[in-house]
Amino acid sequence: MIGSTWRASLLLGAVFAGGAVVGGAVVSHVHPATAGANVRGHNTEEFLRLLTDSLALSTEQRDGVRKILDRHRPAADSLWSEIELRFETLRSSVRSEIRSQLTPEQQHHFTDLMTRRDLERRRTDR
């Protein structure tokens, strides 16, 4: 029994680590700052300020970049929504499979842990 608990804990830790790696990879490939769009709380003005400060953009250049960002925002928002939906479906499936490996007591703790984790993620996404 102790061996099973240890293995379940190890599996849970491995899945969390895998989730962090996958999440990091997704974010690094579709991070709004790289797309320059105002998505998921990322502000166009912050991105423009970064470019202006880093590249010494003129007023004309900054206005041109703003127009580009505004023009592409709907496509970026749409893409992010699609990715977010697909990722949430995957996350739900993974959690369900993990839950099936746990004892009833572990399932209860797992649900609490995932709820806290989701709340924290929502707080940091704002």
Protein backbone atom coordinates (compact mmCIF):
# COMPACT_ATOMS: atom_id res chain seq x y z
CA MET A 1 0.00 0.00 0.00
CA ILE A 2 2.81 2.43 0.88
CA GLY A 3 4.52 1.55 -2.39
CA SER A 4 1.30 2.36 -4.29
CA THR A 5 0.93 5.68 -2.52
CA TRP A 6 4.53 6.55 -3.26
CA ARG A 7 4.11 5.59 -6.93
CA ALA A 8 0.88 7.59 -7.19
CA SER A 9 2.62 10.61 -5.65
CA LEU A 10 5.53 10.20 -8.04
CA LEU A 11 3.13 9.92 -10.99
CA LEU A 12 1.25 13.00 -9.85
CA GLY A 13 4.49 14.95 -9.57
CA ALA A 14 5.61 13.78 -13.02
CA VAL A 15 2.29 14.82 -14.56
CA PHE A 16 2.53 18.25 -12.92
CA ALA A 17 6.06 18.67 -14.22
CA GLY A 18 4.94 17.56 -17.68
CA GLY A 19 2.04 20.00 -17.55
CA ALA A 20 4.40 22.80 -16.62
CA VAL A 21 6.69 21.95 -19.53
CA VAL A 22 3.81 21.72 -22.01
CA GLY A 23 2.23 24.89 -20.65
CA GLY A 24 5.54 26.71 -20.91
CA ALA A 25 6.02 25.53 -24.47
CA VAL A 26 2.53 26.65 -25.47
CA VAL A 27 3.00 30.04 -23.85
CA SER A 28 6.40 30.56 -25.44
CA HIS A 29 5.01 29.79 -28.90
CA VAL A 30 1.80 31.77 -28.66
CA HIS A 31 2.71 34.39 -26.09
CA PRO A 32 0.86 37.56 -26.95
CA ALA A 33 3.96 39.73 -26.66
CA THR A 34 5.56 37.84 -29.53
CA ALA A 35 2.43 38.22 -31.61
CA GLY A 36 2.04 41.82 -30.49
CA ALA A 37 -1.64 41.44 -29.76
CA ASN A 38 -3.72 42.51 -26.81
CA VAL A 39 -4.65 39.03 -25.67
CA ARG A 40 -5.23 37.52 -22.22
CA GLY A 41 -4.51 40.72 -20.34
CA HIS A 42 -1.46 41.76 -22.32
CA ASN A 43 -1.66 45.40 -23.16
CA THR A 44 -0.89 46.89 -26.55
CA GLU A 45 0.37 50.03 -24.85
CA GLU A 46 2.85 48.02 -22.74
CA PHE A 47 4.15 46.31 -25.86
CA LEU A 48 4.40 49.64 -27.69
CA ARG A 49 6.26 51.13 -24.72
CA LEU A 50 8.70 48.20 -24.79
CA LEU A 51 9.34 48.69 -28.53
CA THR A 52 9.58 52.48 -28.21
CA ASP A 53 12.06 52.26 -25.35
CA SER A 54 14.10 49.40 -26.81
CA LEU A 55 14.15 50.54 -30.42
CA ALA A 56 13.80 54.31 -30.03
CA LEU A 57 10.71 54.39 -32.25
CA SER A 58 9.63 57.73 -33.62
CA THR A 59 6.04 58.88 -33.10
CA GLU A 60 5.26 57.91 -36.69
CA GLN A 61 6.75 54.44 -36.24
CA ARG A 62 4.89 53.92 -32.95
CA ASP A 63 1.59 54.91 -34.61
CA GLY A 64 2.29 52.53 -37.47
CA VAL A 65 3.06 49.68 -35.09
CA ARG A 66 -0.13 50.43 -33.13
CA LYS A 67 -2.17 50.17 -36.36
CA ILE A 68 -0.51 46.84 -37.17
CA LEU A 69 -1.28 45.48 -33.70
CA ASP A 70 -4.88 46.69 -33.86
CA ARG A 71 -5.35 45.14 -37.31
CA HIS A 72 -4.05 41.73 -36.18
CA ARG A 73 -5.72 41.65 -32.76
CA PRO A 74 -8.92 39.85 -33.92
CA ALA A 75 -6.93 37.03 -35.55
CA ALA A 76 -4.69 36.67 -32.49
CA ASP A 77 -7.71 36.65 -30.15
CA SER A 78 -9.40 34.02 -32.30
CA LEU A 79 -6.28 31.85 -32.41
CA TRP A 80 -5.77 32.13 -28.65
CA SER A 81 -9.41 31.16 -28.02
CA GLU A 82 -9.02 28.05 -30.17
CA ILE A 83 -5.78 27.03 -28.48
CA GLU A 84 -7.18 27.71 -25.03
CA LEU A 85 -10.25 25.55 -25.72
CA ARG A 86 -8.14 22.67 -27.06
CA PHE A 87 -5.71 22.92 -24.15
CA GLU A 88 -8.56 22.96 -21.60
CA THR A 89 -10.00 19.81 -23.21
CA LEU A 90 -6.61 18.11 -22.94
CA ARG A 91 -6.14 19.27 -19.34
CA SER A 92 -9.56 17.89 -18.40
CA SER A 93 -8.76 14.53 -19.99
CA VAL A 94 -5.38 14.30 -18.22
CA ARG A 95 -6.95 15.18 -14.88
CA SER A 96 -9.66 12.57 -15.36
CA GLU A 97 -7.07 9.90 -16.14
CA ILE A 98 -5.00 10.90 -13.10
CA ARG A 99 -8.09 10.84 -10.89
CA SER A 100 -8.78 7.24 -12.00
CA GLN A 101 -5.40 6.22 -10.54
CA LEU A 102 -6.10 7.69 -7.11
CA THR A 103 -7.84 6.45 -4.01
CA PRO A 104 -11.07 8.25 -3.01
CA GLU A 105 -9.17 10.25 -0.37
CA GLN A 106 -6.46 11.18 -2.89
CA GLN A 107 -9.15 12.14 -5.41
CA HIS A 108 -10.60 14.58 -2.89
CA HIS A 109 -7.18 16.14 -2.26
CA PHE A 110 -6.45 16.17 -5.99
CA THR A 111 -9.68 18.06 -6.68
CA ASP A 112 -8.83 20.61 -3.97
CA LEU A 113 -5.29 20.97 -5.30
CA MET A 114 -6.46 21.50 -8.88
CA THR A 115 -9.09 24.02 -7.75
CA ARG A 116 -6.45 26.05 -5.90
CA ARG A 117 -4.10 25.82 -8.87
CA ASP A 118 -6.81 26.99 -11.29
CA LEU A 119 -7.71 29.93 -9.05
CA GLU A 120 -4.06 30.97 -8.83
CA ARG A 121 -3.68 30.71 -12.61
CA ARG A 122 -6.77 32.91 -13.13
CA ARG A 123 -5.35 35.49 -10.72
CA THR A 124 -2.02 35.65 -12.56
CA ASP A 125 -3.68 35.78 -16.00
CA ARG A 126 -5.37 39.09 -15.20
